[in-house]
């Protein structure tokens, strides 16, 4: 009976020391790729972000967005010229973890706490 308790204590001690890496400021600017699926088909888009503007390139479309940073790891993206009411919705982005050249993020329409999605972006160039 002692050993399972000892194992549990060791596990809790080591797991509490682990922290996910979040060097969000490394990803405020640059050129990135994002892979996503639509109707089961995998697609890749590219975007370029400076501190306050993001330009998205996907398929044959180019879109521009404003970027407003809430803190080092969270920002709001909003289309500059929305084509529909749905396009006009601001998107809240939150960087959850970072690695050398990638970050895992969570996003949803501002105020929508139920429909959060996750994605991974890869930094391909610095600005």
N, C-alpha and C. Protein backbone atom coordinates (compact mmCIF):
# COMPACT_ATOMS: atom_id res chain seq x y z
N UNK A 1 0.82 -1.19 0.00
CA UNK A 1 0.00 0.00 0.00
C UNK A 1 0.87 1.26 0.00
N UNK A 2 2.08 1.17 0.56
CA UNK A 2 2.96 2.34 0.60
C UNK A 2 3.40 2.77 -0.79
N UNK A 3 3.68 1.81 -1.65
CA UNK A 3 4.26 2.12 -2.96
C UNK A 3 3.31 2.90 -3.87
N UNK A 4 2.04 2.57 -3.95
CA UNK A 4 1.15 3.39 -4.79
C UNK A 4 1.06 4.84 -4.29
N UNK A 5 1.05 5.03 -2.99
CA UNK A 5 0.99 6.39 -2.45
C UNK A 5 2.30 7.12 -2.75
N UNK A 6 3.43 6.44 -2.60
CA UNK A 6 4.72 7.04 -2.92
C UNK A 6 4.81 7.39 -4.39
N UNK A 7 4.33 6.50 -5.26
CA UNK A 7 4.31 6.76 -6.70
C UNK A 7 3.46 7.98 -7.02
N UNK A 8 2.29 8.07 -6.42
CA UNK A 8 1.39 9.19 -6.65
C UNK A 8 2.02 10.51 -6.20
N UNK A 9 2.67 10.50 -5.06
CA UNK A 9 3.34 11.71 -4.58
C UNK A 9 4.47 12.14 -5.51
N UNK A 10 5.25 11.19 -5.98
CA UNK A 10 6.33 11.51 -6.93
C UNK A 10 5.77 12.06 -8.22
N UNK A 11 4.71 11.45 -8.72
CA UNK A 11 4.09 11.91 -9.96
C UNK A 11 3.58 13.34 -9.81
N UNK A 12 2.90 13.63 -8.73
CA UNK A 12 2.38 14.98 -8.50
C UNK A 12 3.52 15.99 -8.36
N UNK A 13 4.59 15.61 -7.71
CA UNK A 13 5.71 16.51 -7.52
C UNK A 13 6.35 16.86 -8.86
N UNK A 14 6.58 15.89 -9.71
CA UNK A 14 7.23 16.14 -10.99
C UNK A 14 6.30 16.82 -11.99
N UNK A 15 5.03 16.47 -11.98
CA UNK A 15 4.10 17.08 -12.94
C UNK A 15 3.81 18.53 -12.57
N UNK A 16 3.88 18.89 -11.31
CA UNK A 16 3.63 20.27 -10.92
C UNK A 16 4.79 21.18 -11.31
N UNK A 17 5.96 20.61 -11.56
CA UNK A 17 7.12 21.41 -11.98
C UNK A 17 7.09 21.71 -13.47
N UNK A 18 6.29 20.97 -14.24
CA UNK A 18 6.24 21.15 -15.68
C UNK A 18 5.36 22.34 -16.02
N UNK A 19 5.89 23.26 -16.80
CA UNK A 19 5.11 24.39 -17.29
C UNK A 19 5.20 24.43 -18.79
N UNK A 20 4.08 24.72 -19.44
CA UNK A 20 4.12 24.84 -20.88
C UNK A 20 4.85 26.11 -21.26
N UNK A 21 5.54 26.04 -22.39
CA UNK A 21 6.32 27.18 -22.86
C UNK A 21 5.38 28.16 -23.53
N UNK A 22 5.52 29.44 -23.19
CA UNK A 22 4.72 30.49 -23.81
C UNK A 22 5.59 31.72 -24.04
N UNK A 23 6.34 31.71 -25.12
CA UNK A 23 7.12 32.87 -25.54
C UNK A 23 6.33 33.59 -26.62
N UNK A 24 5.19 34.12 -26.24
CA UNK A 24 4.24 34.69 -27.19
C UNK A 24 4.81 35.88 -27.97
N UNK A 25 5.65 36.67 -27.34
CA UNK A 25 6.18 37.85 -28.03
C UNK A 25 7.00 37.47 -29.26
N UNK A 26 7.52 36.24 -29.33
CA UNK A 26 8.25 35.77 -30.52
C UNK A 26 7.33 35.64 -31.73
N UNK A 27 6.01 35.64 -31.51
CA UNK A 27 5.06 35.40 -32.58
C UNK A 27 4.15 36.60 -32.86
N UNK A 28 4.52 37.77 -32.37
CA UNK A 28 3.71 38.96 -32.63
C UNK A 28 3.83 39.42 -34.07
N UNK A 29 5.00 39.23 -34.66
CA UNK A 29 5.21 39.64 -36.04
C UNK A 29 5.84 38.49 -36.82
N UNK A 30 5.64 38.49 -38.13
CA UNK A 30 6.27 37.50 -38.98
C UNK A 30 5.33 37.00 -40.05
N UNK A 31 5.82 36.02 -40.79
CA UNK A 31 5.04 35.35 -41.82
C UNK A 31 4.78 33.93 -41.32
N UNK A 32 3.52 33.50 -41.42
CA UNK A 32 3.09 32.24 -40.81
C UNK A 32 2.30 31.41 -41.80
N UNK A 33 2.24 30.10 -41.54
CA UNK A 33 1.35 29.19 -42.26
C UNK A 33 0.41 28.54 -41.26
N UNK A 34 -0.79 28.29 -41.71
CA UNK A 34 -1.82 27.68 -40.89
C UNK A 34 -2.52 26.61 -41.73
N UNK A 35 -2.56 25.38 -41.24
CA UNK A 35 -3.22 24.28 -41.95
C UNK A 35 -4.56 24.01 -41.30
N UNK A 36 -5.58 23.84 -42.13
CA UNK A 36 -6.93 23.61 -41.62
C UNK A 36 -7.66 22.67 -42.56
N UNK A 37 -8.81 22.16 -42.12
CA UNK A 37 -9.61 21.26 -42.95
C UNK A 37 -10.97 21.88 -43.23
N UNK A 38 -11.38 21.76 -44.49
CA UNK A 38 -12.73 22.15 -44.90
C UNK A 38 -13.31 20.98 -45.68
N UNK A 39 -14.45 20.47 -45.20
CA UNK A 39 -15.11 19.31 -45.83
C UNK A 39 -14.15 18.15 -45.99
N UNK A 40 -13.30 17.91 -45.00
CA UNK A 40 -12.37 16.79 -45.03
C UNK A 40 -11.11 17.01 -45.85
N UNK A 41 -11.03 18.15 -46.54
CA UNK A 41 -9.86 18.45 -47.37
C UNK A 41 -8.92 19.39 -46.61
N UNK A 42 -7.64 19.00 -46.53
CA UNK A 42 -6.66 19.81 -45.82
C UNK A 42 -6.16 20.94 -46.73
N UNK A 43 -6.17 22.15 -46.17
CA UNK A 43 -5.73 23.33 -46.91
C UNK A 43 -4.73 24.10 -46.07
N UNK A 44 -3.90 24.89 -46.72
CA UNK A 44 -2.92 25.70 -46.02
C UNK A 44 -3.09 27.15 -46.45
N UNK A 45 -3.13 28.04 -45.48
CA UNK A 45 -3.16 29.47 -45.78
C UNK A 45 -1.90 30.09 -45.19
N UNK A 46 -1.63 31.28 -45.63
CA UNK A 46 -0.44 32.00 -45.16
C UNK A 46 -0.91 33.36 -44.69
N UNK A 47 -0.28 33.89 -43.65
CA UNK A 47 -0.59 35.25 -43.22
C UNK A 47 0.67 35.94 -42.75
N UNK A 48 0.67 37.25 -42.93
CA UNK A 48 1.79 38.10 -42.52
C UNK A 48 1.23 39.08 -41.49
N UNK A 49 1.87 39.14 -40.33
CA UNK A 49 1.38 40.00 -39.25
C UNK A 49 2.48 40.92 -38.76
N UNK A 50 2.17 42.23 -38.71
CA UNK A 50 3.02 43.14 -37.96
C UNK A 50 2.27 43.42 -36.67
N UNK A 51 2.65 44.39 -35.94
CA UNK A 51 2.04 44.61 -34.63
C UNK A 51 0.54 44.90 -34.70
N UNK A 52 0.06 45.57 -35.75
CA UNK A 52 -1.34 45.99 -35.76
C UNK A 52 -2.13 45.60 -37.01
N UNK A 53 -1.48 44.99 -37.99
CA UNK A 53 -2.15 44.59 -39.24
C UNK A 53 -1.76 43.15 -39.57
N UNK A 54 -2.74 42.41 -40.07
CA UNK A 54 -2.50 41.05 -40.52
C UNK A 54 -3.09 40.91 -41.92
N UNK A 55 -2.31 40.37 -42.84
CA UNK A 55 -2.78 40.13 -44.21
C UNK A 55 -2.82 38.62 -44.42
N UNK A 56 -4.02 38.11 -44.77
CA UNK A 56 -4.23 36.68 -44.96
C UNK A 56 -4.26 36.36 -46.45
N UNK A 57 -3.58 35.27 -46.82
CA UNK A 57 -3.56 34.77 -48.20
C UNK A 57 -4.08 33.34 -48.17
N UNK A 58 -5.25 33.11 -48.73
CA UNK A 58 -5.79 31.77 -48.78
C UNK A 58 -6.48 31.56 -50.12
N UNK A 59 -6.19 30.42 -50.73
CA UNK A 59 -6.63 30.10 -52.08
C UNK A 59 -6.31 31.30 -52.97
N UNK A 60 -7.27 31.92 -53.59
CA UNK A 60 -6.97 33.08 -54.44
C UNK A 60 -7.42 34.38 -53.78
N UNK A 61 -7.67 34.35 -52.50
CA UNK A 61 -8.17 35.52 -51.76
C UNK A 61 -7.07 36.17 -50.92
N UNK A 62 -7.20 37.48 -50.76
CA UNK A 62 -6.32 38.23 -49.86
C UNK A 62 -7.24 39.06 -48.97
N UNK A 63 -7.03 38.99 -47.68
CA UNK A 63 -7.84 39.73 -46.71
C UNK A 63 -6.94 40.48 -45.75
N UNK A 64 -7.39 41.64 -45.32
CA UNK A 64 -6.63 42.44 -44.34
C UNK A 64 -7.43 42.56 -43.06
N UNK A 65 -6.73 42.46 -41.94
CA UNK A 65 -7.36 42.54 -40.63
C UNK A 65 -6.59 43.49 -39.73
N UNK A 66 -7.31 44.10 -38.81
CA UNK A 66 -6.63 44.85 -37.76
C UNK A 66 -6.31 43.86 -36.65
N UNK A 67 -5.25 44.14 -35.91
CA UNK A 67 -4.84 43.30 -34.79
C UNK A 67 -4.71 44.20 -33.57
N UNK A 68 -5.42 43.86 -32.51
CA UNK A 68 -5.32 44.62 -31.26
C UNK A 68 -4.90 43.64 -30.17
N UNK A 69 -3.69 43.86 -29.63
CA UNK A 69 -3.15 42.97 -28.60
C UNK A 69 -3.75 43.32 -27.25
N UNK A 70 -4.28 42.30 -26.57
CA UNK A 70 -4.81 42.45 -25.21
C UNK A 70 -3.68 42.30 -24.20
N UNK A 71 -2.84 41.32 -24.44
CA UNK A 71 -1.62 41.07 -23.66
C UNK A 71 -0.66 40.33 -24.57
N UNK A 72 0.46 39.86 -24.07
CA UNK A 72 1.45 39.20 -24.92
C UNK A 72 0.92 37.96 -25.63
N UNK A 73 -0.09 37.31 -25.07
CA UNK A 73 -0.56 36.04 -25.62
C UNK A 73 -1.99 36.08 -26.16
N UNK A 74 -2.67 37.21 -26.12
CA UNK A 74 -4.05 37.29 -26.60
C UNK A 74 -4.23 38.54 -27.46
N UNK A 75 -5.01 38.36 -28.54
CA UNK A 75 -5.28 39.50 -29.40
C UNK A 75 -6.62 39.33 -30.09
N UNK A 76 -7.13 40.45 -30.61
CA UNK A 76 -8.39 40.48 -31.33
C UNK A 76 -8.09 40.80 -32.79
N UNK A 77 -8.66 39.99 -33.70
CA UNK A 77 -8.49 40.19 -35.14
C UNK A 77 -9.85 40.58 -35.71
N UNK A 78 -9.85 41.62 -36.54
CA UNK A 78 -11.11 42.07 -37.15
C UNK A 78 -10.86 42.46 -38.59
N UNK A 79 -11.69 41.95 -39.51
CA UNK A 79 -11.55 42.25 -40.93
C UNK A 79 -11.73 43.75 -41.18
N UNK A 80 -10.89 44.29 -42.04
CA UNK A 80 -10.98 45.72 -42.38
C UNK A 80 -12.15 45.97 -43.32
N UNK A 81 -12.36 45.10 -44.30
CA UNK A 81 -13.46 45.25 -45.26
C UNK A 81 -14.30 43.97 -45.29
N UNK A 82 -15.15 43.79 -44.28
CA UNK A 82 -15.95 42.56 -44.26
C UNK A 82 -16.96 42.53 -45.40
N UNK A 83 -17.20 41.33 -45.94
CA UNK A 83 -18.14 41.16 -47.05
C UNK A 83 -19.52 40.72 -46.57
N UNK A 84 -19.60 40.31 -45.32
CA UNK A 84 -20.88 39.86 -44.78
C UNK A 84 -20.94 40.19 -43.29
N UNK A 85 -22.09 39.99 -42.75
CA UNK A 85 -22.26 40.23 -41.31
C UNK A 85 -21.40 39.27 -40.49
N UNK A 86 -21.29 38.03 -40.97
CA UNK A 86 -20.47 37.03 -40.30
C UNK A 86 -18.99 37.42 -40.36
N UNK A 87 -18.54 37.95 -41.50
CA UNK A 87 -17.16 38.42 -41.66
C UNK A 87 -16.82 39.58 -40.73
N UNK A 88 -17.85 40.33 -40.34
CA UNK A 88 -17.62 41.52 -39.51
C UNK A 88 -17.36 41.17 -38.05
N UNK A 89 -17.58 39.92 -37.67
CA UNK A 89 -17.37 39.52 -36.27
C UNK A 89 -15.87 39.49 -35.95
N UNK A 90 -15.53 40.09 -34.84
CA UNK A 90 -14.14 40.07 -34.37
C UNK A 90 -13.83 38.68 -33.81
N UNK A 91 -12.58 38.26 -33.95
CA UNK A 91 -12.14 36.94 -33.49
C UNK A 91 -11.12 37.12 -32.36
N UNK A 92 -11.37 36.44 -31.26
CA UNK A 92 -10.44 36.46 -30.12
C UNK A 92 -9.47 35.30 -30.28
N UNK A 93 -8.18 35.60 -30.30
CA UNK A 93 -7.13 34.60 -30.46
C UNK A 93 -6.33 34.53 -29.16
N UNK A 94 -6.02 33.32 -28.73
CA UNK A 94 -5.22 33.13 -27.52
C UNK A 94 -4.15 32.09 -27.80
N UNK A 95 -2.89 32.47 -27.65
CA UNK A 95 -1.78 31.55 -27.82
C UNK A 95 -1.68 30.71 -26.55
N UNK A 96 -1.79 29.39 -26.70
CA UNK A 96 -1.78 28.49 -25.55
C UNK A 96 -0.38 27.98 -25.22
N UNK A 97 0.35 27.57 -26.25
CA UNK A 97 1.73 27.09 -26.06
C UNK A 97 2.56 27.51 -27.26
N UNK A 98 3.86 27.60 -27.04
CA UNK A 98 4.78 27.92 -28.14
C UNK A 98 5.91 26.90 -28.14
N UNK A 99 6.49 26.70 -29.30
CA UNK A 99 7.69 25.91 -29.47
C UNK A 99 8.67 26.77 -30.27
N UNK A 100 9.68 26.17 -30.79
CA UNK A 100 10.70 26.89 -31.53
C UNK A 100 10.10 27.80 -32.61
N UNK A 101 9.31 27.24 -33.53
CA UNK A 101 8.74 28.06 -34.60
C UNK A 101 7.24 27.84 -34.78
N UNK A 102 6.57 27.24 -33.80
CA UNK A 102 5.13 27.03 -33.89
C UNK A 102 4.43 27.48 -32.62
N UNK A 103 3.15 27.75 -32.77
CA UNK A 103 2.34 28.00 -31.58
C UNK A 103 0.97 27.37 -31.75
N UNK A 104 0.45 26.86 -30.65
CA UNK A 104 -0.89 26.31 -30.57
C UNK A 104 -1.79 27.43 -30.08
N UNK A 105 -2.91 27.65 -30.76
CA UNK A 105 -3.80 28.73 -30.36
C UNK A 105 -5.24 28.26 -30.32
N UNK A 106 -6.03 29.06 -29.63
CA UNK A 106 -7.46 28.83 -29.49
C UNK A 106 -8.14 30.09 -30.02
N UNK A 107 -9.25 29.92 -30.73
CA UNK A 107 -9.92 31.10 -31.26
C UNK A 107 -11.43 30.91 -31.29
N UNK A 108 -12.13 32.03 -31.22
CA UNK A 108 -13.59 32.03 -31.31
C UNK A 108 -14.03 33.46 -31.58
N UNK A 109 -15.27 33.60 -32.01
CA UNK A 109 -15.84 34.93 -32.16
C UNK A 109 -15.87 35.59 -30.78
N UNK A 110 -15.63 36.88 -30.73
CA UNK A 110 -15.63 37.59 -29.45
C UNK A 110 -16.98 37.37 -28.77
N UNK A 111 -16.95 36.95 -27.53
CA UNK A 111 -18.16 36.70 -26.75
C UNK A 111 -18.71 35.29 -26.86
N UNK A 112 -18.21 34.50 -27.80
CA UNK A 112 -18.70 33.13 -27.99
C UNK A 112 -17.79 32.17 -27.21
N UNK A 113 -18.22 31.76 -26.04
CA UNK A 113 -17.41 30.89 -25.19
C UNK A 113 -17.65 29.40 -25.49
N UNK A 114 -18.68 29.08 -26.29
CA UNK A 114 -19.01 27.68 -26.56
C UNK A 114 -18.30 27.12 -27.78
N UNK A 115 -18.07 27.91 -28.79
CA UNK A 115 -17.57 27.41 -30.06
C UNK A 115 -16.10 27.72 -30.29
N UNK A 116 -15.26 27.35 -29.35
CA UNK A 116 -13.82 27.59 -29.48
C UNK A 116 -13.21 26.51 -30.36
N UNK A 117 -12.29 26.93 -31.20
CA UNK A 117 -11.56 26.04 -32.07
C UNK A 117 -10.08 26.15 -31.72
N UNK A 118 -9.30 25.15 -32.12
CA UNK A 118 -7.85 25.20 -31.90
C UNK A 118 -7.14 25.02 -33.23
N UNK A 119 -5.94 25.57 -33.29
CA UNK A 119 -5.13 25.42 -34.49
C UNK A 119 -3.67 25.60 -34.14
N UNK A 120 -2.83 25.31 -35.11
CA UNK A 120 -1.39 25.48 -34.96
C UNK A 120 -0.88 26.32 -36.11
N UNK A 121 -0.09 27.33 -35.79
CA UNK A 121 0.52 28.18 -36.81
C UNK A 121 2.03 27.97 -36.75
N UNK A 122 2.66 28.00 -37.91
CA UNK A 122 4.10 27.83 -38.02
C UNK A 122 4.70 29.11 -38.57
N UNK A 123 5.70 29.65 -37.88
CA UNK A 123 6.38 30.85 -38.35
C UNK A 123 7.40 30.45 -39.40
N UNK A 124 7.27 31.03 -40.60
CA UNK A 124 8.17 30.67 -41.68
C UNK A 124 9.20 31.77 -42.00
N UNK A 125 8.92 33.01 -41.56
CA UNK A 125 9.85 34.13 -41.75
C UNK A 125 9.64 35.18 -40.68
N UNK A 126 10.72 35.83 -40.28
CA UNK A 126 10.64 37.00 -39.41
C UNK A 126 10.39 38.23 -40.30
N UNK A 127 9.87 39.27 -39.71
CA UNK A 127 9.72 40.54 -40.45
C UNK A 127 10.88 41.45 -40.14
